[in-house]
Amino acid sequence: GEAAGYPGEPYLDAPIGYTVEGWDNK
């Protein structure tokens, strides 16, 4: 997700955190 980038990010009030707490990404 971070590599692809979110197209709406410039319009957000805060940067996106691409990690999900409690989620085992592996």
PDB file of all heavy atoms in Angstrom:
ATOM      1  N   GLY A   1       0.816  -1.214   0.000  1.00  0.00           N
ATOM      2  CA  GLY A   1       0.000   0.000   0.000  1.00  0.00           C
ATOM      3  C   GLY A   1       0.844   1.256   0.000  1.00  0.00           C
ATOM      4  O   GLY A   1       0.557   2.216  -0.712  1.00  0.00           O
ATOM      5  N   GLU A   2       1.902   1.253   0.798  1.00  0.00           N
ATOM      6  CA  GLU A   2       2.776   2.426   0.884  1.00  0.00           C
ATOM      7  C   GLU A   2       3.489   2.674  -0.444  1.00  0.00           C
ATOM      8  O   GLU A   2       3.605   3.816  -0.890  1.00  0.00           O
ATOM      9  CB  GLU A   2       3.792   2.231   2.007  1.00  0.00           C
ATOM     10  CG  GLU A   2       4.559   3.486   2.343  1.00  0.00           C
ATOM     11  CD  GLU A   2       5.334   3.359   3.638  1.00  0.00           C
ATOM     12  OE1 GLU A   2       5.387   2.256   4.224  1.00  0.00           O
ATOM     13  OE2 GLU A   2       5.882   4.382   4.065  1.00  0.00           O
ATOM     14  N   ALA A   3       3.948   1.596  -1.104  1.00  0.00           N
ATOM     15  CA  ALA A   3       4.648   1.745  -2.379  1.00  0.00           C
ATOM     16  C   ALA A   3       3.717   2.295  -3.464  1.00  0.00           C
ATOM     17  O   ALA A   3       4.113   3.117  -4.284  1.00  0.00           O
ATOM     18  CB  ALA A   3       5.231   0.405  -2.821  1.00  0.00           C
ATOM     19  N   ALA A   4       2.474   1.834  -3.450  1.00  0.00           N
ATOM     20  CA  ALA A   4       1.518   2.293  -4.459  1.00  0.00           C
ATOM     21  C   ALA A   4       1.095   3.735  -4.202  1.00  0.00           C
ATOM     22  O   ALA A   4       0.885   4.507  -5.122  1.00  0.00           O
ATOM     23  CB  ALA A   4       0.293   1.372  -4.471  1.00  0.00           C
ATOM     24  N   GLY A   5       0.961   4.099  -2.925  1.00  0.00           N
ATOM     25  CA  GLY A   5       0.537   5.459  -2.569  1.00  0.00           C
ATOM     26  C   GLY A   5      -0.958   5.653  -2.771  1.00  0.00           C
ATOM     27  O   GLY A   5      -1.562   5.082  -3.666  1.00  0.00           O
ATOM     28  N   TYR A   6      -1.525   6.456  -1.917  1.00  0.00           N
ATOM     29  CA  TYR A   6      -2.948   6.765  -1.985  1.00  0.00           C
ATOM     30  C   TYR A   6      -3.129   8.087  -2.722  1.00  0.00           C
ATOM     31  O   TYR A   6      -2.548   9.107  -2.332  1.00  0.00           O
ATOM     32  CB  TYR A   6      -3.531   6.841  -0.569  1.00  0.00           C
ATOM     33  CG  TYR A   6      -4.994   7.182  -0.525  1.00  0.00           C
ATOM     34  CD1 TYR A   6      -5.936   6.332  -1.091  1.00  0.00           C
ATOM     35  CD2 TYR A   6      -5.443   8.350   0.070  1.00  0.00           C
ATOM     36  CE1 TYR A   6      -7.288   6.633  -1.060  1.00  0.00           C
ATOM     37  CE2 TYR A   6      -6.787   8.657   0.117  1.00  0.00           C
ATOM     38  CZ  TYR A   6      -7.709   7.791  -0.454  1.00  0.00           C
ATOM     39  OH  TYR A   6      -9.043   8.102  -0.424  1.00  0.00           O
ATOM     40  N   PRO A   7      -3.913   8.129  -3.807  1.00  0.00           N
ATOM     41  CA  PRO A   7      -4.032   9.366  -4.594  1.00  0.00           C
ATOM     42  C   PRO A   7      -4.639  10.539  -3.831  1.00  0.00           C
ATOM     43  O   PRO A   7      -4.381  11.695  -4.159  1.00  0.00           O
ATOM     44  CB  PRO A   7      -4.917   8.952  -5.773  1.00  0.00           C
ATOM     45  CG  PRO A   7      -5.647   7.751  -5.329  1.00  0.00           C
ATOM     46  CD  PRO A   7      -4.745   7.059  -4.345  1.00  0.00           C
ATOM     47  N   GLY A   8      -5.418  10.261  -2.799  1.00  0.00           N
ATOM     48  CA  GLY A   8      -6.043  11.339  -2.039  1.00  0.00           C
ATOM     49  C   GLY A   8      -5.213  11.849  -0.882  1.00  0.00           C
ATOM     50  O   GLY A   8      -5.628  12.763  -0.164  1.00  0.00           O
ATOM     51  N   GLU A   9      -4.020  11.300  -0.682  1.00  0.00           N
ATOM     52  CA  GLU A   9      -3.205  11.679   0.480  1.00  0.00           C
ATOM     53  C   GLU A   9      -2.910  13.182   0.562  1.00  0.00           C
ATOM     54  O   GLU A   9      -2.944  13.745   1.656  1.00  0.00           O
ATOM     55  CB  GLU A   9      -1.909  10.871   0.530  1.00  0.00           C
ATOM     56  CG  GLU A   9      -1.167  11.071   1.837  1.00  0.00           C
ATOM     57  CD  GLU A   9      -0.118  10.008   2.104  1.00  0.00           C
ATOM     58  OE1 GLU A   9       0.220   9.229   1.203  1.00  0.00           O
ATOM     59  OE2 GLU A   9       0.358   9.968   3.253  1.00  0.00           O
ATOM     60  N   PRO A  10      -2.656  13.867  -0.551  1.00  0.00           N
ATOM     61  CA  PRO A  10      -2.395  15.320  -0.432  1.00  0.00           C
ATOM     62  C   PRO A  10      -3.548  16.107   0.181  1.00  0.00           C
ATOM     63  O   PRO A  10      -3.351  17.214   0.663  1.00  0.00           O
ATOM     64  CB  PRO A  10      -2.159  15.765  -1.881  1.00  0.00           C
ATOM     65  CG  PRO A  10      -1.774  14.530  -2.614  1.00  0.00           C
ATOM     66  CD  PRO A  10      -2.487  13.396  -1.924  1.00  0.00           C
ATOM     67  N   TYR A  11      -4.743  15.546   0.168  1.00  0.00           N
ATOM     68  CA  TYR A  11      -5.913  16.253   0.680  1.00  0.00           C
ATOM     69  C   TYR A  11      -6.262  15.879   2.121  1.00  0.00           C
ATOM     70  O   TYR A  11      -7.211  16.401   2.676  1.00  0.00           O
ATOM     71  CB  TYR A  11      -7.122  15.975  -0.231  1.00  0.00           C
ATOM     72  CG  TYR A  11      -6.813  16.285  -1.663  1.00  0.00           C
ATOM     73  CD1 TYR A  11      -6.537  15.267  -2.578  1.00  0.00           C
ATOM     74  CD2 TYR A  11      -6.751  17.598  -2.109  1.00  0.00           C
ATOM     75  CE1 TYR A  11      -6.224  15.551  -3.897  1.00  0.00           C
ATOM     76  CE2 TYR A  11      -6.439  17.888  -3.423  1.00  0.00           C
ATOM     77  CZ  TYR A  11      -6.181  16.859  -4.307  1.00  0.00           C
ATOM     78  OH  TYR A  11      -5.861  17.148  -5.609  1.00  0.00           O
ATOM     79  N   LEU A  12      -5.486  14.979   2.715  1.00  0.00           N
ATOM     80  CA  LEU A  12      -5.754  14.535   4.081  1.00  0.00           C
ATOM     81  C   LEU A  12      -5.083  15.451   5.101  1.00  0.00           C
ATOM     82  O   LEU A  12      -4.072  16.087   4.804  1.00  0.00           O
ATOM     83  CB  LEU A  12      -5.254  13.095   4.279  1.00  0.00           C
ATOM     84  CG  LEU A  12      -5.897  12.049   3.374  1.00  0.00           C
ATOM     85  CD1 LEU A  12      -5.228  10.698   3.586  1.00  0.00           C
ATOM     86  CD2 LEU A  12      -7.392  11.950   3.629  1.00  0.00           C
ATOM     87  N   ASP A  13      -5.636  15.485   6.296  1.00  0.00           N
ATOM     88  CA  ASP A  13      -5.084  16.317   7.365  1.00  0.00           C
ATOM     89  C   ASP A  13      -3.862  15.698   8.026  1.00  0.00           C
ATOM     90  O   ASP A  13      -3.116  16.386   8.703  1.00  0.00           O
ATOM     91  CB  ASP A  13      -6.148  16.572   8.444  1.00  0.00           C
ATOM     92  CG  ASP A  13      -7.299  17.426   7.922  1.00  0.00           C
ATOM     93  OD1 ASP A  13      -7.089  18.194   6.969  1.00  0.00           O
ATOM     94  OD2 ASP A  13      -8.403  17.307   8.465  1.00  0.00           O
ATOM     95  N   ALA A  14      -3.675  14.393   7.868  1.00  0.00           N
ATOM     96  CA  ALA A  14      -2.552  13.700   8.509  1.00  0.00           C
ATOM     97  C   ALA A  14      -2.021  12.642   7.541  1.00  0.00           C
ATOM     98  O   ALA A  14      -2.760  12.166   6.680  1.00  0.00           O
ATOM     99  CB  ALA A  14      -3.011  13.043   9.804  1.00  0.00           C
ATOM    100  N   PRO A  15      -0.762  12.268   7.691  1.00  0.00           N
ATOM    101  CA  PRO A  15      -0.219  11.233   6.811  1.00  0.00           C
ATOM    102  C   PRO A  15      -0.858   9.872   7.105  1.00  0.00           C
ATOM    103  O   PRO A  15      -1.361   9.628   8.200  1.00  0.00           O
ATOM    104  CB  PRO A  15       1.280  11.218   7.133  1.00  0.00           C
ATOM    105  CG  PRO A  15       1.385  11.827   8.489  1.00  0.00           C
ATOM    106  CD  PRO A  15       0.229  12.777   8.632  1.00  0.00           C
ATOM    107  N   ILE A  16      -0.825   9.001   6.119  1.00  0.00           N
ATOM    108  CA  ILE A  16      -1.408   7.669   6.259  1.00  0.00           C
ATOM    109  C   ILE A  16      -0.403   6.754   6.943  1.00  0.00           C
ATOM    110  O   ILE A  16       0.771   6.738   6.608  1.00  0.00           O
ATOM    111  CB  ILE A  16      -1.764   7.089   4.875  1.00  0.00           C
ATOM    112  CG1 ILE A  16      -2.827   7.952   4.213  1.00  0.00           C
ATOM    113  CG2 ILE A  16      -2.241   5.649   4.991  1.00  0.00           C
ATOM    114  CD1 ILE A  16      -3.120   7.577   2.789  1.00  0.00           C
ATOM    115  N   GLY A  17      -0.880   5.981   7.897  1.00  0.00           N
ATOM    116  CA  GLY A  17      -0.077   4.926   8.508  1.00  0.00           C
ATOM    117  C   GLY A  17      -0.462   3.617   7.843  1.00  0.00           C
ATOM    118  O   GLY A  17      -1.599   3.188   7.940  1.00  0.00           O
ATOM    119  N   TYR A  18       0.452   3.008   7.171  1.00  0.00           N
ATOM    120  CA  TYR A  18       0.119   1.813   6.387  1.00  0.00           C
ATOM    121  C   TYR A  18       0.179   0.520   7.192  1.00  0.00           C
ATOM    122  O   TYR A  18      -0.033  -0.548   6.659  1.00  0.00           O
ATOM    123  CB  TYR A  18       1.025   1.720   5.151  1.00  0.00           C
ATOM    124  CG  TYR A  18       0.668   2.761   4.128  1.00  0.00           C
ATOM    125  CD1 TYR A  18       1.337   3.979   4.067  1.00  0.00           C
ATOM    126  CD2 TYR A  18      -0.367   2.539   3.229  1.00  0.00           C
ATOM    127  CE1 TYR A  18       0.994   4.936   3.130  1.00  0.00           C
ATOM    128  CE2 TYR A  18      -0.729   3.489   2.284  1.00  0.00           C
ATOM    129  CZ  TYR A  18      -0.041   4.684   2.239  1.00  0.00           C
ATOM    130  OH  TYR A  18      -0.384   5.631   1.314  1.00  0.00           O
ATOM    131  N   THR A  19       0.471   0.595   8.479  1.00  0.00           N
ATOM    132  CA  THR A  19       0.457  -0.607   9.308  1.00  0.00           C
ATOM    133  C   THR A  19      -0.850  -0.657  10.074  1.00  0.00           C
ATOM    134  O   THR A  19      -1.395   0.369  10.473  1.00  0.00           O
ATOM    135  CB  THR A  19       1.631  -0.622  10.308  1.00  0.00           C
ATOM    136  OG1 THR A  19       1.542   0.545  11.128  1.00  0.00           O
ATOM    137  CG2 THR A  19       2.964  -0.639   9.583  1.00  0.00           C
ATOM    138  N   VAL A  20      -1.344  -1.851  10.257  1.00  0.00           N
ATOM    139  CA  VAL A  20      -2.603  -2.048  10.964  1.00  0.00           C
ATOM    140  C   VAL A  20      -2.285  -2.678  12.307  1.00  0.00           C
ATOM    141  O   VAL A  20      -1.772  -3.792  12.365  1.00  0.00           O
ATOM    142  CB  VAL A  20      -3.544  -2.967  10.151  1.00  0.00           C
ATOM    143  CG1 VAL A  20      -4.859  -3.145  10.886  1.00  0.00           C
ATOM    144  CG2 VAL A  20      -3.759  -2.406   8.763  1.00  0.00           C
ATOM    145  N   GLU A  21      -2.559  -1.953  13.365  1.00  0.00           N
ATOM    146  CA  GLU A  21      -2.262  -2.449  14.705  1.00  0.00           C
ATOM    147  C   GLU A  21      -3.065  -3.710  14.998  1.00  0.00           C
ATOM    148  O   GLU A  21      -4.268  -3.775  14.732  1.00  0.00           O
ATOM    149  CB  GLU A  21      -2.589  -1.374  15.738  1.00  0.00           C
ATOM    150  CG  GLU A  21      -2.040  -1.694  17.104  1.00  0.00           C
ATOM    151  CD  GLU A  21      -2.190  -0.523  18.049  1.00  0.00           C
ATOM    152  OE1 GLU A  21      -1.973   0.620  17.629  1.00  0.00           O
ATOM    153  OE2 GLU A  21      -2.527  -0.780  19.209  1.00  0.00           O
ATOM    154  N   GLY A  22      -2.389  -4.732  15.496  1.00  0.00           N
ATOM    155  CA  GLY A  22      -3.062  -5.976  15.833  1.00  0.00           C
ATOM    156  C   GLY A  22      -3.228  -6.933  14.667  1.00  0.00           C
ATOM    157  O   GLY A  22      -3.755  -8.018  14.823  1.00  0.00           O
ATOM    158  N   TRP A  23      -2.777  -6.537  13.494  1.00  0.00           N
ATOM    159  CA  TRP A  23      -2.940  -7.375  12.317  1.00  0.00           C
ATOM    160  C   TRP A  23      -1.589  -7.963  11.961  1.00  0.00           C
ATOM    161  O   TRP A  23      -0.623  -7.230  11.757  1.00  0.00           O
ATOM    162  CB  TRP A  23      -3.477  -6.538  11.168  1.00  0.00           C
ATOM    163  CG  TRP A  23      -3.761  -7.294   9.912  1.00  0.00           C
ATOM    164  CD1 TRP A  23      -4.342  -8.503   9.797  1.00  0.00           C
ATOM    165  CD2 TRP A  23      -3.498  -6.846   8.575  1.00  0.00           C
ATOM    166  NE1 TRP A  23      -4.468  -8.857   8.486  1.00  0.00           N
ATOM    167  CE2 TRP A  23      -3.954  -7.849   7.708  1.00  0.00           C
ATOM    168  CE3 TRP A  23      -2.941  -5.700   8.036  1.00  0.00           C
ATOM    169  CZ2 TRP A  23      -3.859  -7.745   6.334  1.00  0.00           C
ATOM    170  CZ3 TRP A  23      -2.852  -5.600   6.673  1.00  0.00           C
ATOM    171  CH2 TRP A  23      -3.300  -6.610   5.831  1.00  0.00           C
ATOM    172  N   ASP A  24      -1.511  -9.269  11.872  1.00  0.00           N
ATOM    173  CA  ASP A  24      -0.266  -9.935  11.525  1.00  0.00           C
ATOM    174  C   ASP A  24      -0.122  -9.909  10.007  1.00  0.00           C
ATOM    175  O   ASP A  24      -0.655 -10.747   9.297  1.00  0.00           O
ATOM    176  CB  ASP A  24      -0.267 -11.372  12.047  1.00  0.00           C
ATOM    177  CG  ASP A  24       1.023 -12.105  11.720  1.00  0.00           C
ATOM    178  OD1 ASP A  24       1.915 -11.514  11.078  1.00  0.00           O
ATOM    179  OD2 ASP A  24       1.130 -13.276  12.110  1.00  0.00           O
ATOM    180  N   ASN A  25       0.588  -8.914   9.521  1.00  0.00           N
ATOM    181  CA  ASN A  25       0.751  -8.713   8.089  1.00  0.00           C
ATOM    182  C   ASN A  25       1.370  -9.933   7.413  1.00  0.00           C
ATOM    183  O   ASN A  25       1.021 -10.282   6.299  1.00  0.00           O
ATOM    184  CB  ASN A  25       1.610  -7.466   7.863  1.00  0.00           C
ATOM    185  CG  ASN A  25       1.292  -6.781   6.561  1.00  0.00           C
ATOM    186  OD1 ASN A  25       0.284  -7.070   5.936  1.00  0.00           O
ATOM    187  ND2 ASN A  25       2.142  -5.873   6.151  1.00  0.00           N
ATOM    188  N   LYS A  26       2.290 -10.612   8.080  1.00  0.00           N
ATOM    189  CA  LYS A  26       2.960 -11.768   7.492  1.00  0.00           C
ATOM    190  C   LYS A  26       1.980 -12.925   7.298  1.00  0.00           C
ATOM    191  O   LYS A  26       2.049 -13.649   6.311  1.00  0.00           O
ATOM    192  CB  LYS A  26       4.129 -12.212   8.376  1.00  0.00           C
ATOM    193  CG  LYS A  26       5.251 -11.212   8.387  1.00  0.00           C
ATOM    194  CD  LYS A  26       6.361 -11.668   9.308  1.00  0.00           C
ATOM    195  CE  LYS A  26       7.405 -10.562   9.375  1.00  0.00           C
ATOM    196  NZ  LYS A  26       8.422 -10.850  10.370  1.00  0.00           N
TER     197      LYS A  26
END
